Amino acid sequence: MEKDPFTGKIIGLAIEVHRVLGPGLLESTYQHCLAHELHLNGIPFRLEHPMPVEYKGVRLDCGYRIDLLVDDQLILELKAIEAVSGIHKAQLLTYLKLSGIKTGLLINFNVQRLTEGIERFKL
């Protein structure tokens, strides 16, 4: 998949968070630290952004939240789990489809080298 400078910058910030904290913490810790890095770098984002479901012409708030929506163009789905499974990938793909956003990153912080825990998705 083609890499772009914007997602490269975000991946660099996630690597910085992982470098400082290492694996083994809660997902929310990585989420807030990454949000802090985005803020320090002047990158607009929304934390826990609501993801409504469109059903038969009605928008329903079913409780879904995007971990981080970065500059209205990138969805970050963060994990701190032993292994990413198909359901985690499906979750991000569904968020991309529902939101109309074309690019997403699934980042699992519970790995020794963060580059091994990052997957890019593009619709």
PDB file of N, CA and C in Angstrom:
ATOM      1  N   MET A   1       0.852  -1.185   0.000  1.00  0.00           N
ATOM      2  CA  MET A   1       0.000   0.000   0.000  1.00  0.00           C
ATOM      3  C   MET A   1       0.891   1.240   0.000  1.00  0.00           C
ATOM      4  N   GLU A   2       0.471   2.244  -0.723  1.00  0.00           N
ATOM      5  CA  GLU A   2       1.195   3.502  -0.779  1.00  0.00           C
ATOM      6  C   GLU A   2       1.219   4.168   0.582  1.00  0.00           C
ATOM      7  N   LYS A   3       2.377   4.687   0.947  1.00  0.00           N
ATOM      8  CA  LYS A   3       2.489   5.427   2.199  1.00  0.00           C
ATOM      9  C   LYS A   3       2.392   6.907   1.878  1.00  0.00           C
ATOM     10  N   ASP A   4       1.824   7.658   2.816  1.00  0.00           N
ATOM     11  CA  ASP A   4       1.743   9.094   2.600  1.00  0.00           C
ATOM     12  C   ASP A   4       2.357   9.808   3.796  1.00  0.00           C
ATOM     13  N   PRO A   5       2.817  11.042   3.597  1.00  0.00           N
ATOM     14  CA  PRO A   5       3.493  11.778   4.666  1.00  0.00           C
ATOM     15  C   PRO A   5       2.617  11.994   5.905  1.00  0.00           C
ATOM     16  N   PHE A   6       1.310  12.207   5.701  1.00  0.00           N
ATOM     17  CA  PHE A   6       0.428  12.475   6.844  1.00  0.00           C
ATOM     18  C   PHE A   6       0.354  11.266   7.766  1.00  0.00           C
ATOM     19  N   THR A   7       0.033  10.094   7.219  1.00  0.00           N
ATOM     20  CA  THR A   7      -0.035   8.908   8.083  1.00  0.00           C
ATOM     21  C   THR A   7       1.348   8.563   8.624  1.00  0.00           C
ATOM     22  N   GLY A   8       2.383   8.837   7.852  1.00  0.00           N
ATOM     23  CA  GLY A   8       3.743   8.626   8.340  1.00  0.00           C
ATOM     24  C   GLY A   8       4.034   9.455   9.578  1.00  0.00           C
ATOM     25  N   LYS A   9       3.584  10.700   9.578  1.00  0.00           N
ATOM     26  CA  LYS A   9       3.769  11.583  10.738  1.00  0.00           C
ATOM     27  C   LYS A   9       3.022  11.026  11.951  1.00  0.00           C
ATOM     28  N   ILE A  10       1.789  10.569  11.748  1.00  0.00           N
ATOM     29  CA  ILE A  10       0.985  10.033  12.856  1.00  0.00           C
ATOM     30  C   ILE A  10       1.631   8.757  13.395  1.00  0.00           C
ATOM     31  N   ILE A  11       2.116   7.909  12.501  1.00  0.00           N
ATOM     32  CA  ILE A  11       2.800   6.694  12.938  1.00  0.00           C
ATOM     33  C   ILE A  11       4.038   7.051  13.759  1.00  0.00           C
ATOM     34  N   GLY A  12       4.768   8.074  13.334  1.00  0.00           N
ATOM     35  CA  GLY A  12       5.933   8.533  14.088  1.00  0.00           C
ATOM     36  C   GLY A  12       5.571   8.968  15.500  1.00  0.00           C
ATOM     37  N   LEU A  13       4.442   9.649  15.639  1.00  0.00           N
ATOM     38  CA  LEU A  13       3.994  10.075  16.971  1.00  0.00           C
ATOM     39  C   LEU A  13       3.598   8.877  17.823  1.00  0.00           C
ATOM     40  N   ALA A  14       2.939   7.890  17.209  1.00  0.00           N
ATOM     41  CA  ALA A  14       2.570   6.674  17.941  1.00  0.00           C
ATOM     42  C   ALA A  14       3.828   5.917  18.384  1.00  0.00           C
ATOM     43  N   ILE A  15       4.828   5.885  17.525  1.00  0.00           N
ATOM     44  CA  ILE A  15       6.093   5.233  17.879  1.00  0.00           C
ATOM     45  C   ILE A  15       6.739   5.954  19.062  1.00  0.00           C
ATOM     46  N   GLU A  16       6.674   7.265  19.076  1.00  0.00           N
ATOM     47  CA  GLU A  16       7.223   8.034  20.193  1.00  0.00           C
ATOM     48  C   GLU A  16       6.515   7.676  21.501  1.00  0.00           C
ATOM     49  N   VAL A  17       5.192   7.588  21.469  1.00  0.00           N
ATOM     50  CA  VAL A  17       4.435   7.197  22.664  1.00  0.00           C
ATOM     51  C   VAL A  17       4.885   5.811  23.127  1.00  0.00           C
ATOM     52  N   HIS A  18       4.992   4.883  22.199  1.00  0.00           N
ATOM     53  CA  HIS A  18       5.393   3.512  22.544  1.00  0.00           C
ATOM     54  C   HIS A  18       6.835   3.472  23.048  1.00  0.00           C
ATOM     55  N   ARG A  19       7.702   4.281  22.459  1.00  0.00           N
ATOM     56  CA  ARG A  19       9.102   4.330  22.890  1.00  0.00           C
ATOM     57  C   ARG A  19       9.202   4.766  24.345  1.00  0.00           C
ATOM     58  N   VAL A  20       8.397   5.752  24.721  1.00  0.00           N
ATOM     59  CA  VAL A  20       8.437   6.276  26.082  1.00  0.00           C
ATOM     60  C   VAL A  20       7.755   5.320  27.073  1.00  0.00           C
ATOM     61  N   LEU A  21       6.596   4.775  26.692  1.00  0.00           N
ATOM     62  CA  LEU A  21       5.804   3.976  27.633  1.00  0.00           C
ATOM     63  C   LEU A  21       6.062   2.474  27.565  1.00  0.00           C
ATOM     64  N   GLY A  22       6.367   1.961  26.373  1.00  0.00           N
ATOM     65  CA  GLY A  22       6.508   0.522  26.198  1.00  0.00           C
ATOM     66  C   GLY A  22       5.154  -0.175  26.205  1.00  0.00           C
ATOM     67  N   PRO A  23       5.138  -1.497  26.043  1.00  0.00           N
ATOM     68  CA  PRO A  23       3.886  -2.256  26.047  1.00  0.00           C
ATOM     69  C   PRO A  23       3.396  -2.515  27.469  1.00  0.00           C
ATOM     70  N   GLY A  24       2.145  -2.964  27.581  1.00  0.00           N
ATOM     71  CA  GLY A  24       1.643  -3.442  28.865  1.00  0.00           C
ATOM     72  C   GLY A  24       0.688  -2.531  29.607  1.00  0.00           C
ATOM     73  N   LEU A  25       0.377  -1.367  29.033  1.00  0.00           N
ATOM     74  CA  LEU A  25      -0.546  -0.450  29.702  1.00  0.00           C
ATOM     75  C   LEU A  25      -1.940  -0.559  29.087  1.00  0.00           C
ATOM     76  N   LEU A  26      -2.880   0.146  29.677  1.00  0.00           N
ATOM     77  CA  LEU A  26      -4.243   0.160  29.160  1.00  0.00           C
ATOM     78  C   LEU A  26      -4.326   0.971  27.875  1.00  0.00           C
ATOM     79  N   GLU A  27      -5.262   0.585  27.020  1.00  0.00           N
ATOM     80  CA  GLU A  27      -5.503   1.297  25.763  1.00  0.00           C
ATOM     81  C   GLU A  27      -5.734   2.788  25.998  1.00  0.00           C
ATOM     82  N   SER A  28      -6.488   3.117  27.027  1.00  0.00           N
ATOM     83  CA  SER A  28      -6.809   4.530  27.298  1.00  0.00           C
ATOM     84  C   SER A  28      -5.562   5.348  27.593  1.00  0.00           C
ATOM     85  N   THR A  29      -4.547   4.739  28.183  1.00  0.00           N
ATOM     86  CA  THR A  29      -3.295   5.451  28.451  1.00  0.00           C
ATOM     87  C   THR A  29      -2.620   5.846  27.138  1.00  0.00           C
ATOM     88  N   TYR A  30      -2.521   4.907  26.217  1.00  0.00           N
ATOM     89  CA  TYR A  30      -1.919   5.192  24.916  1.00  0.00           C
ATOM     90  C   TYR A  30      -2.751   6.217  24.149  1.00  0.00           C
ATOM     91  N   GLN A  31      -4.061   6.102  24.265  1.00  0.00           N
ATOM     92  CA  GLN A  31      -4.960   7.022  23.571  1.00  0.00           C
ATOM     93  C   GLN A  31      -4.726   8.460  24.035  1.00  0.00           C
ATOM     94  N   HIS A  32      -4.661   8.663  25.333  1.00  0.00           N
ATOM     95  CA  HIS A  32      -4.483  10.020  25.858  1.00  0.00           C
ATOM     96  C   HIS A  32      -3.075  10.548  25.595  1.00  0.00           C
ATOM     97  N   CYS A  33      -2.080   9.682  25.660  1.00  0.00           N
ATOM     98  CA  CYS A  33      -0.714  10.127  25.371  1.00  0.00           C
ATOM     99  C   CYS A  33      -0.551  10.469  23.890  1.00  0.00           C
ATOM    100  N   LEU A  34      -1.164   9.682  23.006  1.00  0.00           N
ATOM    101  CA  LEU A  34      -1.114   9.998  21.583  1.00  0.00           C
ATOM    102  C   LEU A  34      -1.868  11.293  21.298  1.00  0.00           C
ATOM    103  N   ALA A  35      -2.988  11.496  21.963  1.00  0.00           N
ATOM    104  CA  ALA A  35      -3.723  12.756  21.813  1.00  0.00           C
ATOM    105  C   ALA A  35      -2.843  13.935  22.250  1.00  0.00           C
ATOM    106  N   HIS A  36      -2.079  13.750  23.304  1.00  0.00           N
ATOM    107  CA  HIS A  36      -1.174  14.802  23.774  1.00  0.00           C
ATOM    108  C   HIS A  36      -0.097  15.092  22.717  1.00  0.00           C
ATOM    109  N   GLU A  37       0.447  14.031  22.103  1.00  0.00           N
ATOM    110  CA  GLU A  37       1.441  14.219  21.035  1.00  0.00           C
ATOM    111  C   GLU A  37       0.841  14.960  19.842  1.00  0.00           C
ATOM    112  N   LEU A  38      -0.382  14.611  19.476  1.00  0.00           N
ATOM    113  CA  LEU A  38      -1.057  15.315  18.374  1.00  0.00           C
ATOM    114  C   LEU A  38      -1.207  16.792  18.711  1.00  0.00           C
ATOM    115  N   HIS A  39      -1.623  17.069  19.944  1.00  0.00           N
ATOM    116  CA  HIS A  39      -1.785  18.458  20.394  1.00  0.00           C
ATOM    117  C   HIS A  39      -0.446  19.207  20.332  1.00  0.00           C
ATOM    118  N   LEU A  40       0.611  18.573  20.843  1.00  0.00           N
ATOM    119  CA  LEU A  40       1.930  19.215  20.838  1.00  0.00           C
ATOM    120  C   LEU A  40       2.409  19.528  19.424  1.00  0.00           C
ATOM    121  N   ASN A  41       1.981  18.732  18.460  1.00  0.00           N
ATOM    122  CA  ASN A  41       2.396  18.912  17.073  1.00  0.00           C
ATOM    123  C   ASN A  41       1.407  19.720  16.245  1.00  0.00           C
ATOM    124  N   GLY A  42       0.389  20.280  16.898  1.00  0.00           N
ATOM    125  CA  GLY A  42      -0.563  21.143  16.206  1.00  0.00           C
ATOM    126  C   GLY A  42      -1.452  20.418  15.209  1.00  0.00           C
ATOM    127  N   ILE A  43      -1.674  19.130  15.427  1.00  0.00           N
ATOM    128  CA  ILE A  43      -2.505  18.338  14.520  1.00  0.00           C
ATOM    129  C   ILE A  43      -3.904  18.233  15.112  1.00  0.00           C
ATOM    130  N   PRO A  44      -4.910  18.710  14.394  1.00  0.00           N
ATOM    131  CA  PRO A  44      -6.279  18.661  14.942  1.00  0.00           C
ATOM    132  C   PRO A  44      -6.784  17.225  15.042  1.00  0.00           C
ATOM    133  N   PHE A  45      -7.523  16.953  16.109  1.00  0.00           N
ATOM    134  CA  PHE A  45      -8.058  15.619  16.333  1.00  0.00           C
ATOM    135  C   PHE A  45      -9.294  15.709  17.220  1.00  0.00           C
ATOM    136  N   ARG A  46     -10.047  14.630  17.214  1.00  0.00           N
ATOM    137  CA  ARG A  46     -11.177  14.483  18.133  1.00  0.00           C
ATOM    138  C   ARG A  46     -11.032  13.138  18.835  1.00  0.00           C
ATOM    139  N   LEU A  47     -11.141  13.180  20.123  1.00  0.00           N
ATOM    140  CA  LEU A  47     -11.010  12.002  20.969  1.00  0.00           C
ATOM    141  C   LEU A  47     -12.386  11.399  21.212  1.00  0.00           C
ATOM    142  N   GLU A  48     -12.507  10.078  21.077  1.00  0.00           N
ATOM    143  CA  GLU A  48     -13.773   9.378  21.319  1.00  0.00           C
ATOM    144  C   GLU A  48     -14.913   9.994  20.501  1.00  0.00           C
ATOM    145  N   HIS A  49     -14.658  10.204  19.238  1.00  0.00           N
ATOM    146  CA  HIS A  49     -15.636  10.833  18.345  1.00  0.00           C
ATOM    147  C   HIS A  49     -16.825   9.894  18.096  1.00  0.00           C
ATOM    148  N   PRO A  50     -18.067  10.348  18.307  1.00  0.00           N
ATOM    149  CA  PRO A  50     -19.239   9.490  18.099  1.00  0.00           C
ATOM    150  C   PRO A  50     -19.346   8.999  16.654  1.00  0.00           C
ATOM    151  N   MET A  51     -19.716   7.735  16.496  1.00  0.00           N
ATOM    152  CA  MET A  51     -19.886   7.136  15.176  1.00  0.00           C
ATOM    153  C   MET A  51     -21.311   6.596  15.084  1.00  0.00           C
ATOM    154  N   PRO A  52     -22.251   7.440  14.626  1.00  0.00           N
ATOM    155  CA  PRO A  52     -23.647   6.984  14.529  1.00  0.00           C
ATOM    156  C   PRO A  52     -23.806   5.964  13.403  1.00  0.00           C
ATOM    157  N   VAL A  53     -24.874   5.215  13.489  1.00  0.00           N
ATOM    158  CA  VAL A  53     -25.207   4.231  12.463  1.00  0.00           C
ATOM    159  C   VAL A  53     -26.416   4.757  11.698  1.00  0.00           C
ATOM    160  N   GLU A  54     -26.304   4.758  10.395  1.00  0.00           N
ATOM    161  CA  GLU A  54     -27.409   5.164   9.527  1.00  0.00           C
ATOM    162  C   GLU A  54     -28.233   3.913   9.233  1.00  0.00           C
ATOM    163  N   TYR A  55     -29.505   3.924   9.648  1.00  0.00           N
ATOM    164  CA  TYR A  55     -30.362   2.758   9.444  1.00  0.00           C
ATOM    165  C   TYR A  55     -31.718   3.211   8.919  1.00  0.00           C
ATOM    166  N   LYS A  56     -32.032   2.823   7.700  1.00  0.00           N
ATOM    167  CA  LYS A  56     -33.299   3.158   7.053  1.00  0.00           C
ATOM    168  C   LYS A  56     -33.607   4.654   7.141  1.00  0.00           C
ATOM    169  N   GLY A  57     -32.588   5.440   6.828  1.00  0.00           N
ATOM    170  CA  GLY A  57     -32.754   6.885   6.778  1.00  0.00           C
ATOM    171  C   GLY A  57     -32.708   7.591   8.126  1.00  0.00           C
ATOM    172  N   VAL A  58     -32.415   6.856   9.184  1.00  0.00           N
ATOM    173  CA  VAL A  58     -32.357   7.456  10.527  1.00  0.00           C
ATOM    174  C   VAL A  58     -30.949   7.277  11.081  1.00  0.00           C
ATOM    175  N   ARG A  59     -30.409   8.362  11.634  1.00  0.00           N
ATOM    176  CA  ARG A  59     -29.099   8.285  12.290  1.00  0.00           C
ATOM    177  C   ARG A  59     -29.309   7.892  13.744  1.00  0.00           C
ATOM    178  N   LEU A  60     -28.712   6.778  14.128  1.00  0.00           N
ATOM    179  CA  LEU A  60     -28.877   6.247  15.479  1.00  0.00           C
ATOM    180  C   LEU A  60     -27.542   6.266  16.209  1.00  0.00           C
ATOM    181  N   ASP A  61     -27.558   6.784  17.428  1.00  0.00           N
ATOM    182  CA  ASP A  61     -26.361   6.721  18.255  1.00  0.00           C
ATOM    183  C   ASP A  61     -26.404   5.389  18.996  1.00  0.00           C
ATOM    184  N   CYS A  62     -25.576   4.465  18.542  1.00  0.00           N
ATOM    185  CA  CYS A  62     -25.546   3.121  19.123  1.00  0.00           C
ATOM    186  C   CYS A  62     -24.378   2.954  20.095  1.00  0.00           C
ATOM    187  N   GLY A  63     -23.722   4.060  20.422  1.00  0.00           N
ATOM    188  CA  GLY A  63     -22.648   4.010  21.402  1.00  0.00           C
ATOM    189  C   GLY A  63     -21.260   3.787  20.824  1.00  0.00           C
ATOM    190  N   TYR A  64     -21.136   3.724  19.491  1.00  0.00           N
ATOM    191  CA  TYR A  64     -19.822   3.532  18.893  1.00  0.00           C
ATOM    192  C   TYR A  64     -19.023   4.827  18.958  1.00  0.00           C
ATOM    193  N   ARG A  65     -17.726   4.702  19.223  1.00  0.00           N
ATOM    194  CA  ARG A  65     -16.836   5.853  19.318  1.00  0.00           C
ATOM    195  C   ARG A  65     -15.542   5.534  18.576  1.00  0.00           C
ATOM    196  N   ILE A  66     -15.112   6.483  17.762  1.00  0.00           N
ATOM    197  CA  ILE A  66     -13.806   6.375  17.100  1.00  0.00           C
ATOM    198  C   ILE A  66     -12.769   6.798  18.132  1.00  0.00           C
ATOM    199  N   ASP A  67     -11.754   5.984  18.340  1.00  0.00           N
ATOM    200  CA  ASP A  67     -10.742   6.309  19.350  1.00  0.00           C
ATOM    201  C   ASP A  67     -10.148   7.692  19.099  1.00  0.00           C
ATOM    202  N   LEU A  68      -9.617   7.902  17.900  1.00  0.00           N
ATOM    203  CA  LEU A  68      -9.094   9.214  17.514  1.00  0.00           C
ATOM    204  C   LEU A  68      -9.424   9.467  16.046  1.00  0.00           C
ATOM    205  N   LEU A  69     -10.047  10.595  15.798  1.00  0.00           N
ATOM    206  CA  LEU A  69     -10.295  11.055  14.435  1.00  0.00           C
ATOM    207  C   LEU A  69      -9.320  12.202  14.205  1.00  0.00           C
ATOM    208  N   VAL A  70      -8.379  12.016  13.301  1.00  0.00           N
ATOM    209  CA  VAL A  70      -7.289  12.970  13.115  1.00  0.00           C
ATOM    210  C   VAL A  70      -7.538  13.806  11.864  1.00  0.00           C
ATOM    211  N   ASP A  71      -7.659  15.101  12.066  1.00  0.00           N
ATOM    212  CA  ASP A  71      -7.803  16.085  10.994  1.00  0.00           C
ATOM    213  C   ASP A  71      -8.932  15.726  10.014  1.00  0.00           C
ATOM    214  N   ASP A  72      -9.974  15.095  10.519  1.00  0.00           N
ATOM    215  CA  ASP A  72     -11.143  14.688   9.718  1.00  0.00           C
ATOM    216  C   ASP A  72     -10.771  13.857   8.490  1.00  0.00           C
ATOM    217  N   GLN A  73      -9.591  13.207   8.528  1.00  0.00           N
ATOM    218  CA  GLN A  73      -9.169  12.426   7.368  1.00  0.00           C
ATOM    219  C   GLN A  73      -8.531  11.090   7.714  1.00  0.00           C
ATOM    220  N   LEU A  74      -8.370  10.780   8.998  1.00  0.00           N
ATOM    221  CA  LEU A  74      -7.711   9.548   9.398  1.00  0.00           C
ATOM    222  C   LEU A  74      -8.349   9.026  10.682  1.00  0.00           C
ATOM    223  N   ILE A  75      -8.769   7.759  10.652  1.00  0.00           N
ATOM    224  CA  ILE A  75      -9.309   7.106  11.846  1.00  0.00           C
ATOM    225  C   ILE A  75      -8.211   6.267  12.467  1.00  0.00           C
ATOM    226  N   LEU A  76      -7.994   6.469  13.771  1.00  0.00           N
ATOM    227  CA  LEU A  76      -7.066   5.633  14.515  1.00  0.00           C
ATOM    228  C   LEU A  76      -7.866   4.738  15.440  1.00  0.00           C
ATOM    229  N   GLU A  77      -7.725   3.454  15.267  1.00  0.00           N
ATOM    230  CA  GLU A  77      -8.331   2.474  16.161  1.00  0.00           C
ATOM    231  C   GLU A  77      -7.195   1.883  16.977  1.00  0.00           C
ATOM    232  N   LEU A  78      -7.207   2.156  18.269  1.00  0.00           N
ATOM    233  CA  LEU A  78      -6.108   1.760  19.137  1.00  0.00           C
ATOM    234  C   LEU A  78      -6.471   0.519  19.931  1.00  0.00           C
ATOM    235  N   LYS A  79      -5.476  -0.330  20.122  1.00  0.00           N
ATOM    236  CA  LYS A  79      -5.630  -1.543  20.906  1.00  0.00           C
ATOM    237  C   LYS A  79      -4.413  -1.702  21.806  1.00  0.00           C
ATOM    238  N   ALA A  80      -4.593  -2.437  22.885  1.00  0.00           N
ATOM    239  CA  ALA A  80      -3.502  -2.848  23.767  1.00  0.00           C
ATOM    240  C   ALA A  80      -3.816  -4.289  24.164  1.00  0.00           C
ATOM    241  N   ILE A  81      -3.716  -5.170  23.171  1.00  0.00           N
ATOM    242  CA  ILE A  81      -4.156  -6.561  23.334  1.00  0.00           C
ATOM    243  C   ILE A  81      -3.049  -7.517  22.905  1.00  0.00           C
ATOM    244  N   GLU A  82      -3.223  -8.789  23.284  1.00  0.00           N
ATOM    245  CA  GLU A  82      -2.210  -9.796  22.960  1.00  0.00           C
ATOM    246  C   GLU A  82      -2.061  -9.989  21.452  1.00  0.00           C
ATOM    247  N   ALA A  83      -3.205 -10.058  20.754  1.00  0.00           N
ATOM    248  CA  ALA A  83      -3.148 -10.260  19.300  1.00  0.00           C
ATOM    249  C   ALA A  83      -4.373  -9.627  18.650  1.00  0.00           C
ATOM    250  N   VAL A  84      -4.143  -8.984  17.516  1.00  0.00           N
ATOM    251  CA  VAL A  84      -5.231  -8.406  16.732  1.00  0.00           C
ATOM    252  C   VAL A  84      -5.919  -9.540  15.983  1.00  0.00           C
ATOM    253  N   SER A  85      -7.250  -9.508  15.974  1.00  0.00           N
ATOM    254  CA  SER A  85      -8.000 -10.542  15.252  1.00  0.00           C
ATOM    255  C   SER A  85      -8.826  -9.908  14.136  1.00  0.00           C
ATOM    256  N   GLY A  86      -9.490 -10.750  13.393  1.00  0.00           N
ATOM    257  CA  GLY A  86     -10.309 -10.284  12.283  1.00  0.00           C
ATOM    258  C   GLY A  86     -11.397  -9.319  12.697  1.00  0.00           C
ATOM    259  N   ILE A  87     -11.962  -9.489  13.878  1.00  0.00           N
ATOM    260  CA  ILE A  87     -13.042  -8.602  14.337  1.00  0.00           C
ATOM    261  C   ILE A  87     -12.528  -7.183  14.554  1.00  0.00           C
ATOM    262  N   HIS A  88     -11.284  -7.033  14.969  1.00  0.00           N
ATOM    263  CA  HIS A  88     -10.708  -5.696  15.161  1.00  0.00           C
ATOM    264  C   HIS A  88     -10.520  -4.993  13.822  1.00  0.00           C
ATOM    265  N   LYS A  89     -10.093  -5.752  12.828  1.00  0.00           N
ATOM    266  CA  LYS A  89      -9.935  -5.200  11.477  1.00  0.00           C
ATOM    267  C   LYS A  89     -11.305  -4.838  10.893  1.00  0.00           C
ATOM    268  N   ALA A  90     -12.281  -5.707  11.119  1.00  0.00           N
ATOM    269  CA  ALA A  90     -13.641  -5.445  10.627  1.00  0.00           C
ATOM    270  C   ALA A  90     -14.217  -4.190  11.271  1.00  0.00           C
ATOM    271  N   GLN A  91     -13.926  -3.985  12.551  1.00  0.00           N
ATOM    272  CA  GLN A  91     -14.407  -2.792  13.251  1.00  0.00           C
ATOM    273  C   GLN A  91     -13.891  -1.531  12.566  1.00  0.00           C
ATOM    274  N   LEU A  92     -12.593  -1.485  12.276  1.00  0.00           N
ATOM    275  CA  LEU A  92     -12.027  -0.305  11.632  1.00  0.00           C
ATOM    276  C   LEU A  92     -12.594  -0.125  10.225  1.00  0.00           C
ATOM    277  N   LEU A  93     -12.695  -1.198   9.467  1.00  0.00           N
ATOM    278  CA  LEU A  93     -13.268  -1.099   8.122  1.00  0.00           C
ATOM    279  C   LEU A  93     -14.708  -0.586   8.162  1.00  0.00           C
ATOM    280  N   THR A  94     -15.476  -1.019   9.140  1.00  0.00           N
ATOM    281  CA  THR A  94     -16.858  -0.545   9.282  1.00  0.00           C
ATOM    282  C   THR A  94     -16.883   0.933   9.630  1.00  0.00           C
ATOM    283  N   TYR A  95     -16.013   1.369  10.518  1.00  0.00           N
ATOM    284  CA  TYR A  95     -15.938   2.795  10.849  1.00  0.00           C
ATOM    285  C   TYR A  95     -15.590   3.622   9.618  1.00  0.00           C
ATOM    286  N   LEU A  96     -14.676   3.118   8.789  1.00  0.00           N
ATOM    287  CA  LEU A  96     -14.320   3.829   7.561  1.00  0.00           C
ATOM    288  C   LEU A  96     -15.531   3.954   6.644  1.00  0.00           C
ATOM    289  N   LYS A  97     -16.260   2.869   6.469  1.00  0.00           N
ATOM    290  CA  LYS A  97     -17.439   2.889   5.602  1.00  0.00           C
ATOM    291  C   LYS A  97     -18.526   3.815   6.141  1.00  0.00           C
ATOM    292  N   LEU A  98     -18.805   3.731   7.435  1.00  0.00           N
ATOM    293  CA  LEU A  98     -19.865   4.549   8.025  1.00  0.00           C
ATOM    294  C   LEU A  98     -19.528   6.036   7.999  1.00  0.00           C
ATOM    295  N   SER A  99     -18.257   6.366   8.154  1.00  0.00           N
ATOM    296  CA  SER A  99     -17.846   7.769   8.252  1.00  0.00           C
ATOM    297  C   SER A  99     -17.561   8.407   6.894  1.00  0.00           C
ATOM    298  N   GLY A 100     -17.271   7.576   5.881  1.00  0.00           N
ATOM    299  CA  GLY A 100     -16.863   8.122   4.591  1.00  0.00           C
ATOM    300  C   GLY A 100     -15.396   8.514   4.548  1.00  0.00           C
ATOM    301  N   ILE A 101     -14.674   8.258   5.607  1.00  0.00           N
ATOM    302  CA  ILE A 101     -13.243   8.541   5.656  1.00  0.00           C
ATOM    303  C   ILE A 101     -12.518   7.384   4.976  1.00  0.00           C
ATOM    304  N   LYS A 102     -11.488   7.694   4.222  1.00  0.00           N
ATOM    305  CA  LYS A 102     -10.848   6.702   3.356  1.00  0.00           C
ATOM    306  C   LYS A 102      -9.675   5.963   3.980  1.00  0.00           C
ATOM    307  N   THR A 103      -9.062   6.519   5.037  1.00  0.00           N
ATOM    308  CA  THR A 103      -7.836   5.947   5.570  1.00  0.00           C
ATOM    309  C   THR A 103      -7.957   5.695   7.069  1.00  0.00           C
ATOM    310  N   GLY A 104      -7.433   4.544   7.500  1.00  0.00           N
ATOM    311  CA  GLY A 104      -7.426   4.216   8.916  1.00  0.00           C
ATOM    312  C   GLY A 104      -6.171   3.470   9.309  1.00  0.00           C
ATOM    313  N   LEU A 105      -5.818   3.601  10.562  1.00  0.00           N
ATOM    314  CA  LEU A 105      -4.697   2.858  11.124  1.00  0.00           C
ATOM    315  C   LEU A 105      -5.197   2.062  12.321  1.00  0.00           C
ATOM    316  N   LEU A 106      -4.879   0.784  12.346  1.00  0.00           N
ATOM    317  CA  LEU A 106      -5.134  -0.064  13.502  1.00  0.00           C
ATOM    318  C   LEU A 106      -3.791  -0.215  14.192  1.00  0.00           C
ATOM    319  N   ILE A 107      -3.708   0.279  15.425  1.00  0.00           N
ATOM    320  CA  ILE A 107      -2.436   0.297  16.141  1.00  0.00           C
ATOM    321  C   ILE A 107      -2.585  -0.493  17.434  1.00  0.00           C
ATOM    322  N   ASN A 108      -1.820  -1.565  17.551  1.00  0.00           N
ATOM    323  CA  ASN A 108      -1.796  -2.361  18.779  1.00  0.00           C
ATOM    324  C   ASN A 108      -0.512  -2.023  19.529  1.00  0.00           C
ATOM    325  N   PHE A 109      -0.652  -1.393  20.693  1.00  0.00           N
ATOM    326  CA  PHE A 109       0.505  -0.962  21.477  1.00  0.00           C
ATOM    327  C   PHE A 109       1.113  -2.089  22.308  1.00  0.00           C
ATOM    328  N   ASN A 110       0.465  -3.228  22.372  1.00  0.00           N
ATOM    329  CA  ASN A 110       0.958  -4.317  23.214  1.00  0.00           C
ATOM    330  C   ASN A 110       1.903  -5.236  22.434  1.00  0.00           C
ATOM    331  N   VAL A 111       2.928  -4.639  21.850  1.00  0.00           N
ATOM    332  CA  VAL A 111       3.955  -5.361  21.089  1.00  0.00           C
ATOM    333  C   VAL A 111       5.318  -4.794  21.487  1.00  0.00           C
ATOM    334  N   GLN A 112       6.372  -5.563  21.208  1.00  0.00           N
ATOM    335  CA  GLN A 112       7.723  -5.094  21.542  1.00  0.00           C
ATOM    336  C   GLN A 112       8.174  -3.959  20.632  1.00  0.00           C
ATOM    337  N   ARG A 113       7.916  -4.103  19.315  1.00  0.00           N
ATOM    338  CA  ARG A 113       8.246  -3.058  18.338  1.00  0.00           C
ATOM    339  C   ARG A 113       6.942  -2.580  17.731  1.00  0.00           C
ATOM    340  N   LEU A 114       6.626  -1.313  17.878  1.00  0.00           N
ATOM    341  CA  LEU A 114       5.321  -0.817  17.445  1.00  0.00           C
ATOM    342  C   LEU A 114       5.089  -1.013  15.951  1.00  0.00           C
ATOM    343  N   THR A 115       6.129  -0.962  15.153  1.00  0.00           N
ATOM    344  CA  THR A 115       5.942  -1.148  13.704  1.00  0.00           C
ATOM    345  C   THR A 115       5.292  -2.491  13.396  1.00  0.00           C
ATOM    346  N   GLU A 116       5.459  -3.471  14.286  1.00  0.00           N
ATOM    347  CA  GLU A 116       4.824  -4.784  14.110  1.00  0.00           C
ATOM    348  C   GLU A 116       3.348  -4.763  14.493  1.00  0.00           C
ATOM    349  N   GLY A 117       2.916  -3.704  15.158  1.00  0.00           N
ATOM    350  CA  GLY A 117       1.536  -3.617  15.630  1.00  0.00           C
ATOM    351  C   GLY A 117       0.682  -2.631  14.848  1.00  0.00           C
ATOM    352  N   ILE A 118       1.156  -2.178  13.684  1.00  0.00           N
ATOM    353  CA  ILE A 118       0.432  -1.175  12.900  1.00  0.00           C
ATOM    354  C   ILE A 118      -0.030  -1.768  11.575  1.00  0.00           C
ATOM    355  N   GLU A 119      -1.313  -1.568  11.276  1.00  0.00           N
ATOM    356  CA  GLU A 119      -1.856  -1.963   9.971  1.00  0.00           C
ATOM    357  C   GLU A 119      -2.583  -0.768   9.379  1.00  0.00           C
ATOM    358  N   ARG A 120      -2.332  -0.501   8.108  1.00  0.00           N
ATOM    359  CA  ARG A 120      -3.013   0.572   7.378  1.00  0.00           C
ATOM    360  C   ARG A 120      -4.176   0.001   6.607  1.00  0.00           C
ATOM    361  N   PHE A 121      -5.257   0.777   6.564  1.00  0.00           N
ATOM    362  CA  PHE A 121      -6.430   0.409   5.783  1.00  0.00           C
ATOM    363  C   PHE A 121      -6.807   1.590   4.917  1.00  0.00           C
ATOM    364  N   LYS A 122      -7.172   1.308   3.678  1.00  0.00           N
ATOM    365  CA  LYS A 122      -7.556   2.360   2.739  1.00  0.00           C
ATOM    366  C   LYS A 122      -8.756   1.859   1.945  1.00  0.00           C
ATOM    367  N   LEU A 123      -9.822   2.653   1.915  1.00  0.00           N
ATOM    368  CA  LEU A 123     -10.997   2.286   1.110  1.00  0.00           C
ATOM    369  C   LEU A 123     -10.859   2.841  -0.288  1.00  0.00           C
TER     370      LEU A 123
END
